[in-house]
Amino acid sequence: MKANELLDAKGLACPMPIVRTKKAMDNLETGEVLEVHATDQGAKADLTAWSKSGGHELLETTEENGVLKFWIKKG
């Protein structure tokens, strides 16, 4: 999936992946996509809930070699 920006949040513990994601999303235009890479398993639930509450759309989530990948479309 094509993203407008990539955020590397690997190695960061909660709540840092969310904090960094929010900062990165502030720089995007509505409709643009942010790709987030994280290793904290809690990020799965956190980013899903954060996306929904912030009016964004979680397009896809995958896990590869312990790295969670999220594609979030700015609402």
PDB file of N, CA and C in Angstrom:
ATOM      1  N   MET A   1       0.838  -1.181   0.000  1.00  0.00           N
ATOM      2  CA  MET A   1       0.000   0.000   0.000  1.00  0.00           C
ATOM      3  C   MET A   1       0.887   1.251   0.000  1.00  0.00           C
ATOM      4  N   LYS A   2       0.491   2.226  -0.761  1.00  0.00           N
ATOM      5  CA  LYS A   2       1.294   3.451  -0.882  1.00  0.00           C
ATOM      6  C   LYS A   2       0.943   4.408   0.259  1.00  0.00           C
ATOM      7  N   ALA A   3       1.993   4.942   0.884  1.00  0.00           N
ATOM      8  CA  ALA A   3       1.806   5.907   1.966  1.00  0.00           C
ATOM      9  C   ALA A   3       2.485   7.225   1.596  1.00  0.00           C
ATOM     10  N   ASN A   4       1.967   8.320   2.143  1.00  0.00           N
ATOM     11  CA  ASN A   4       2.564   9.635   1.913  1.00  0.00           C
ATOM     12  C   ASN A   4       3.755   9.867   2.831  1.00  0.00           C
ATOM     13  N   GLU A   5       3.736   9.197   4.002  1.00  0.00           N
ATOM     14  CA  GLU A   5       4.811   9.368   4.972  1.00  0.00           C
ATOM     15  C   GLU A   5       4.980   8.080   5.772  1.00  0.00           C
ATOM     16  N   LEU A   6       6.219   7.814   6.201  1.00  0.00           N
ATOM     17  CA  LEU A   6       6.527   6.631   7.006  1.00  0.00           C
ATOM     18  C   LEU A   6       7.006   7.077   8.381  1.00  0.00           C
ATOM     19  N   LEU A   7       6.417   6.488   9.428  1.00  0.00           N
ATOM     20  CA  LEU A   7       6.835   6.766  10.797  1.00  0.00           C
ATOM     21  C   LEU A   7       7.432   5.491  11.384  1.00  0.00           C
ATOM     22  N   ASP A   8       8.680   5.571  11.804  1.00  0.00           N
ATOM     23  CA  ASP A   8       9.351   4.429  12.421  1.00  0.00           C
ATOM     24  C   ASP A   8       9.247   4.574  13.940  1.00  0.00           C
ATOM     25  N   ALA A   9       8.345   3.780  14.547  1.00  0.00           N
ATOM     26  CA  ALA A   9       8.153   3.820  16.001  1.00  0.00           C
ATOM     27  C   ALA A   9       8.637   2.511  16.632  1.00  0.00           C
ATOM     28  N   LYS A  10       9.510   1.794  15.920  1.00  0.00           N
ATOM     29  CA  LYS A  10      10.014   0.516  16.435  1.00  0.00           C
ATOM     30  C   LYS A  10      10.855   0.768  17.687  1.00  0.00           C
ATOM     31  N   GLY A  11      10.683  -0.102  18.689  1.00  0.00           N
ATOM     32  CA  GLY A  11      11.459   0.009  19.920  1.00  0.00           C
ATOM     33  C   GLY A  11      10.871   0.976  20.935  1.00  0.00           C
ATOM     34  N   LEU A  12       9.812   1.672  20.561  1.00  0.00           N
ATOM     35  CA  LEU A  12       9.186   2.615  21.485  1.00  0.00           C
ATOM     36  C   LEU A  12       8.063   1.937  22.263  1.00  0.00           C
ATOM     37  N   ALA A  13       7.985   2.225  23.561  1.00  0.00           N
ATOM     38  CA  ALA A  13       6.928   1.662  24.404  1.00  0.00           C
ATOM     39  C   ALA A  13       5.765   2.654  24.488  1.00  0.00           C
ATOM     40  N   CYS A  14       4.613   2.117  24.795  1.00  0.00           N
ATOM     41  CA  CYS A  14       3.412   2.916  24.979  1.00  0.00           C
ATOM     42  C   CYS A  14       3.696   4.024  26.003  1.00  0.00           C
ATOM     43  N   PRO A  15       3.279   5.226  25.798  1.00  0.00           N
ATOM     44  CA  PRO A  15       2.381   5.730  24.743  1.00  0.00           C
ATOM     45  C   PRO A  15       3.111   6.376  23.565  1.00  0.00           C
ATOM     46  N   MET A  16       4.424   6.201  23.463  1.00  0.00           N
ATOM     47  CA  MET A  16       5.187   6.917  22.432  1.00  0.00           C
ATOM     48  C   MET A  16       4.753   6.655  20.983  1.00  0.00           C
ATOM     49  N   PRO A  17       4.393   5.422  20.607  1.00  0.00           N
ATOM     50  CA  PRO A  17       3.928   5.255  19.213  1.00  0.00           C
ATOM     51  C   PRO A  17       2.719   6.141  18.891  1.00  0.00           C
ATOM     52  N   ILE A  18       1.809   6.295  19.860  1.00  0.00           N
ATOM     53  CA  ILE A  18       0.630   7.143  19.652  1.00  0.00           C
ATOM     54  C   ILE A  18       1.040   8.611  19.574  1.00  0.00           C
ATOM     55  N   VAL A  19       1.912   9.033  20.473  1.00  0.00           N
ATOM     56  CA  VAL A  19       2.375  10.430  20.493  1.00  0.00           C
ATOM     57  C   VAL A  19       3.029  10.786  19.160  1.00  0.00           C
ATOM     58  N   ARG A  20       3.917   9.914  18.691  1.00  0.00           N
ATOM     59  CA  ARG A  20       4.615  10.169  17.419  1.00  0.00           C
ATOM     60  C   ARG A  20       3.640  10.124  16.234  1.00  0.00           C
ATOM     61  N   THR A  21       2.671   9.197  16.297  1.00  0.00           N
ATOM     62  CA  THR A  21       1.675   9.090  15.219  1.00  0.00           C
ATOM     63  C   THR A  21       0.855  10.368  15.138  1.00  0.00           C
ATOM     64  N   LYS A  22       0.415  10.874  16.279  1.00  0.00           N
ATOM     65  CA  LYS A  22      -0.380  12.107  16.300  1.00  0.00           C
ATOM     66  C   LYS A  22       0.417  13.263  15.695  1.00  0.00           C
ATOM     67  N   LYS A  23       1.690  13.385  16.071  1.00  0.00           N
ATOM     68  CA  LYS A  23       2.541  14.457  15.535  1.00  0.00           C
ATOM     69  C   LYS A  23       2.673  14.344  14.013  1.00  0.00           C
ATOM     70  N   ALA A  24       2.904  13.119  13.543  1.00  0.00           N
ATOM     71  CA  ALA A  24       3.065  12.890  12.100  1.00  0.00           C
ATOM     72  C   ALA A  24       1.764  13.187  11.354  1.00  0.00           C
ATOM     73  N   MET A  25       0.633  12.821  11.942  1.00  0.00           N
ATOM     74  CA  MET A  25      -0.663  13.051  11.290  1.00  0.00           C
ATOM     75  C   MET A  25      -0.958  14.539  11.168  1.00  0.00           C
ATOM     76  N   ASP A  26      -0.488  15.325  12.136  1.00  0.00           N
ATOM     77  CA  ASP A  26      -0.708  16.772  12.088  1.00  0.00           C
ATOM     78  C   ASP A  26      -0.065  17.405  10.856  1.00  0.00           C
ATOM     79  N   ASN A  27       0.975  16.762  10.322  1.00  0.00           N
ATOM     80  CA  ASN A  27       1.681  17.289   9.144  1.00  0.00           C
ATOM     81  C   ASN A  27       1.073  16.850   7.821  1.00  0.00           C
ATOM     82  N   LEU A  28       0.090  15.945   7.873  1.00  0.00           N
ATOM     83  CA  LEU A  28      -0.518  15.434   6.646  1.00  0.00           C
ATOM     84  C   LEU A  28      -1.799  16.190   6.308  1.00  0.00           C
ATOM     85  N   GLU A  29      -2.147  16.160   5.038  1.00  0.00           N
ATOM     86  CA  GLU A  29      -3.415  16.729   4.580  1.00  0.00           C
ATOM     87  C   GLU A  29      -4.497  15.661   4.684  1.00  0.00           C
ATOM     88  N   THR A  30      -5.744  16.072   4.783  1.00  0.00           N
ATOM     89  CA  THR A  30      -6.866  15.146   4.820  1.00  0.00           C
ATOM     90  C   THR A  30      -6.808  14.219   3.599  1.00  0.00           C
ATOM     91  N   GLY A  31      -6.972  12.912   3.841  1.00  0.00           N
ATOM     92  CA  GLY A  31      -6.954  11.933   2.757  1.00  0.00           C
ATOM     93  C   GLY A  31      -5.592  11.308   2.518  1.00  0.00           C
ATOM     94  N   GLU A  32      -4.526  11.898   3.091  1.00  0.00           N
ATOM     95  CA  GLU A  32      -3.197  11.320   2.926  1.00  0.00           C
ATOM     96  C   GLU A  32      -3.026  10.159   3.904  1.00  0.00           C
ATOM     97  N   VAL A  33      -2.062   9.275   3.599  1.00  0.00           N
ATOM     98  CA  VAL A  33      -1.881   8.045   4.361  1.00  0.00           C
ATOM     99  C   VAL A  33      -0.531   8.040   5.077  1.00  0.00           C
ATOM    100  N   LEU A  34      -0.571   7.662   6.355  1.00  0.00           N
ATOM    101  CA  LEU A  34       0.632   7.514   7.165  1.00  0.00           C
ATOM    102  C   LEU A  34       0.868   6.029   7.405  1.00  0.00           C
ATOM    103  N   GLU A  35       2.085   5.576   7.128  1.00  0.00           N
ATOM    104  CA  GLU A  35       2.470   4.191   7.418  1.00  0.00           C
ATOM    105  C   GLU A  35       3.277   4.217   8.712  1.00  0.00           C
ATOM    106  N   VAL A  36       2.851   3.409   9.683  1.00  0.00           N
ATOM    107  CA  VAL A  36       3.507   3.366  10.991  1.00  0.00           C
ATOM    108  C   VAL A  36       4.083   1.976  11.216  1.00  0.00           C
ATOM    109  N   HIS A  37       5.348   1.903  11.633  1.00  0.00           N
ATOM    110  CA  HIS A  37       5.992   0.639  11.998  1.00  0.00           C
ATOM    111  C   HIS A  37       6.244   0.679  13.500  1.00  0.00           C
ATOM    112  N   ALA A  38       5.759  -0.338  14.232  1.00  0.00           N
ATOM    113  CA  ALA A  38       5.932  -0.391  15.686  1.00  0.00           C
ATOM    114  C   ALA A  38       6.224  -1.823  16.118  1.00  0.00           C
ATOM    115  N   THR A  39       6.891  -1.965  17.257  1.00  0.00           N
ATOM    116  CA  THR A  39       7.174  -3.297  17.794  1.00  0.00           C
ATOM    117  C   THR A  39       6.414  -3.553  19.092  1.00  0.00           C
ATOM    118  N   ASP A  40       5.819  -2.534  19.682  1.00  0.00           N
ATOM    119  CA  ASP A  40       5.045  -2.680  20.918  1.00  0.00           C
ATOM    120  C   ASP A  40       3.692  -3.306  20.576  1.00  0.00           C
ATOM    121  N   GLN A  41       3.434  -4.517  21.100  1.00  0.00           N
ATOM    122  CA  GLN A  41       2.178  -5.212  20.780  1.00  0.00           C
ATOM    123  C   GLN A  41       0.942  -4.413  21.200  1.00  0.00           C
ATOM    124  N   GLY A  42       1.088  -3.564  22.209  1.00  0.00           N
ATOM    125  CA  GLY A  42      -0.033  -2.728  22.639  1.00  0.00           C
ATOM    126  C   GLY A  42      -0.449  -1.716  21.590  1.00  0.00           C
ATOM    127  N   ALA A  43       0.450  -1.438  20.654  1.00  0.00           N
ATOM    128  CA  ALA A  43       0.152  -0.457  19.605  1.00  0.00           C
ATOM    129  C   ALA A  43      -1.025  -0.901  18.744  1.00  0.00           C
ATOM    130  N   LYS A  44      -1.225  -2.204  18.643  1.00  0.00           N
ATOM    131  CA  LYS A  44      -2.322  -2.727  17.813  1.00  0.00           C
ATOM    132  C   LYS A  44      -3.660  -2.165  18.299  1.00  0.00           C
ATOM    133  N   ALA A  45      -3.936  -2.341  19.592  1.00  0.00           N
ATOM    134  CA  ALA A  45      -5.189  -1.837  20.164  1.00  0.00           C
ATOM    135  C   ALA A  45      -5.179  -0.312  20.253  1.00  0.00           C
ATOM    136  N   ASP A  46      -4.033   0.243  20.647  1.00  0.00           N
ATOM    137  CA  ASP A  46      -3.933   1.692  20.835  1.00  0.00           C
ATOM    138  C   ASP A  46      -4.173   2.457  19.540  1.00  0.00           C
ATOM    139  N   LEU A  47      -3.496   2.054  18.471  1.00  0.00           N
ATOM    140  CA  LEU A  47      -3.636   2.779  17.201  1.00  0.00           C
ATOM    141  C   LEU A  47      -5.013   2.578  16.582  1.00  0.00           C
ATOM    142  N   THR A  48      -5.590   1.398  16.787  1.00  0.00           N
ATOM    143  CA  THR A  48      -6.949   1.150  16.285  1.00  0.00           C
ATOM    144  C   THR A  48      -7.929   2.095  16.967  1.00  0.00           C
ATOM    145  N   ALA A  49      -7.863   2.166  18.300  1.00  0.00           N
ATOM    146  CA  ALA A  49      -8.773   3.032  19.057  1.00  0.00           C
ATOM    147  C   ALA A  49      -8.509   4.508  18.761  1.00  0.00           C
ATOM    148  N   TRP A  50      -7.226   4.885  18.693  1.00  0.00           N
ATOM    149  CA  TRP A  50      -6.872   6.282  18.439  1.00  0.00           C
ATOM    150  C   TRP A  50      -7.366   6.730  17.064  1.00  0.00           C
ATOM    151  N   SER A  51      -7.196   5.889  16.066  1.00  0.00           N
ATOM    152  CA  SER A  51      -7.642   6.231  14.714  1.00  0.00           C
ATOM    153  C   SER A  51      -9.137   6.507  14.690  1.00  0.00           C
ATOM    154  N   LYS A  52      -9.884   5.604  15.322  1.00  0.00           N
ATOM    155  CA  LYS A  52     -11.342   5.720  15.342  1.00  0.00           C
ATOM    156  C   LYS A  52     -11.778   6.987  16.080  1.00  0.00           C
ATOM    157  N   SER A  53     -11.193   7.222  17.252  1.00  0.00           N
ATOM    158  CA  SER A  53     -11.604   8.380  18.054  1.00  0.00           C
ATOM    159  C   SER A  53     -11.184   9.702  17.409  1.00  0.00           C
ATOM    160  N   GLY A  54     -10.119   9.657  16.592  1.00  0.00           N
ATOM    161  CA  GLY A  54      -9.644  10.873  15.936  1.00  0.00           C
ATOM    162  C   GLY A  54     -10.275  11.145  14.586  1.00  0.00           C
ATOM    163  N   GLY A  55     -11.180  10.258  14.160  1.00  0.00           N
ATOM    164  CA  GLY A  55     -11.850  10.442  12.877  1.00  0.00           C
ATOM    165  C   GLY A  55     -11.009  10.012  11.683  1.00  0.00           C
ATOM    166  N   HIS A  56      -9.974   9.201  11.953  1.00  0.00           N
ATOM    167  CA  HIS A  56      -9.115   8.697  10.878  1.00  0.00           C
ATOM    168  C   HIS A  56      -9.550   7.275  10.511  1.00  0.00           C
ATOM    169  N   GLU A  57      -9.043   6.769   9.409  1.00  0.00           N
ATOM    170  CA  GLU A  57      -9.412   5.426   8.953  1.00  0.00           C
ATOM    171  C   GLU A  57      -8.181   4.522   8.944  1.00  0.00           C
ATOM    172  N   LEU A  58      -8.261   3.450   9.735  1.00  0.00           N
ATOM    173  CA  LEU A  58      -7.194   2.455   9.741  1.00  0.00           C
ATOM    174  C   LEU A  58      -7.440   1.554   8.536  1.00  0.00           C
ATOM    175  N   LEU A  59      -6.612   1.701   7.509  1.00  0.00           N
ATOM    176  CA  LEU A  59      -6.837   0.997   6.244  1.00  0.00           C
ATOM    177  C   LEU A  59      -6.389  -0.453   6.296  1.00  0.00           C
ATOM    178  N   GLU A  60      -5.237  -0.680   6.936  1.00  0.00           N
ATOM    179  CA  GLU A  60      -4.672  -2.029   6.938  1.00  0.00           C
ATOM    180  C   GLU A  60      -3.686  -2.178   8.092  1.00  0.00           C
ATOM    181  N   THR A  61      -3.606  -3.403   8.606  1.00  0.00           N
ATOM    182  CA  THR A  61      -2.630  -3.740   9.652  1.00  0.00           C
ATOM    183  C   THR A  61      -2.006  -5.071   9.281  1.00  0.00           C
ATOM    184  N   THR A  62      -0.674  -5.147   9.342  1.00  0.00           N
ATOM    185  CA  THR A  62       0.013  -6.415   9.105  1.00  0.00           C
ATOM    186  C   THR A  62       1.094  -6.588  10.166  1.00  0.00           C
ATOM    187  N   GLU A  63       1.580  -7.816  10.282  1.00  0.00           N
ATOM    188  CA  GLU A  63       2.690  -8.075  11.188  1.00  0.00           C
ATOM    189  C   GLU A  63       3.727  -8.913  10.451  1.00  0.00           C
ATOM    190  N   GLU A  64       4.970  -8.442  10.457  1.00  0.00           N
ATOM    191  CA  GLU A  64       6.058  -9.098   9.743  1.00  0.00           C
ATOM    192  C   GLU A  64       7.286  -9.156  10.644  1.00  0.00           C
ATOM    193  N   ASN A  65       7.722 -10.345  10.993  1.00  0.00           N
ATOM    194  CA  ASN A  65       8.927 -10.512  11.822  1.00  0.00           C
ATOM    195  C   ASN A  65       8.894  -9.666  13.094  1.00  0.00           C
ATOM    196  N   GLY A  66       7.743  -9.635  13.757  1.00  0.00           N
ATOM    197  CA  GLY A  66       7.616  -8.889  15.001  1.00  0.00           C
ATOM    198  C   GLY A  66       7.388  -7.401  14.844  1.00  0.00           C
ATOM    199  N   VAL A  67       7.305  -6.939  13.599  1.00  0.00           N
ATOM    200  CA  VAL A  67       7.045  -5.512  13.348  1.00  0.00           C
ATOM    201  C   VAL A  67       5.595  -5.344  12.893  1.00  0.00           C
ATOM    202  N   LEU A  68       4.858  -4.539  13.643  1.00  0.00           N
ATOM    203  CA  LEU A  68       3.475  -4.229  13.289  1.00  0.00           C
ATOM    204  C   LEU A  68       3.496  -3.065  12.313  1.00  0.00           C
ATOM    205  N   LYS A  69       2.709  -3.182  11.255  1.00  0.00           N
ATOM    206  CA  LYS A  69       2.644  -2.116  10.253  1.00  0.00           C
ATOM    207  C   LYS A  69       1.191  -1.671  10.128  1.00  0.00           C
ATOM    208  N   PHE A  70       1.015  -0.365  10.188  1.00  0.00           N
ATOM    209  CA  PHE A  70      -0.328   0.229  10.113  1.00  0.00           C
ATOM    210  C   PHE A  70      -0.348   1.266   9.001  1.00  0.00           C
ATOM    211  N   TRP A  71      -1.471   1.329   8.298  1.00  0.00           N
ATOM    212  CA  TRP A  71      -1.690   2.369   7.298  1.00  0.00           C
ATOM    213  C   TRP A  71      -2.927   3.126   7.729  1.00  0.00           C
ATOM    214  N   ILE A  72      -2.744   4.399   8.064  1.00  0.00           N
ATOM    215  CA  ILE A  72      -3.825   5.210   8.600  1.00  0.00           C
ATOM    216  C   ILE A  72      -4.078   6.389   7.655  1.00  0.00           C
ATOM    217  N   LYS A  73      -5.338   6.514   7.222  1.00  0.00           N
ATOM    218  CA  LYS A  73      -5.734   7.609   6.337  1.00  0.00           C
ATOM    219  C   LYS A  73      -6.294   8.744   7.189  1.00  0.00           C
ATOM    220  N   LYS A  74      -5.740   9.932   6.975  1.00  0.00           N
ATOM    221  CA  LYS A  74      -6.167  11.081   7.770  1.00  0.00           C
ATOM    222  C   LYS A  74      -7.594  11.484   7.416  1.00  0.00           C
ATOM    223  N   GLY A  75      -8.408  11.645   8.453  1.00  0.00           N
ATOM    224  CA  GLY A  75      -9.820  12.011   8.277  1.00  0.00           C
ATOM    225  C   GLY A  75     -10.032  13.508   8.302  1.00  0.00           C
TER     226      GLY A  75
END
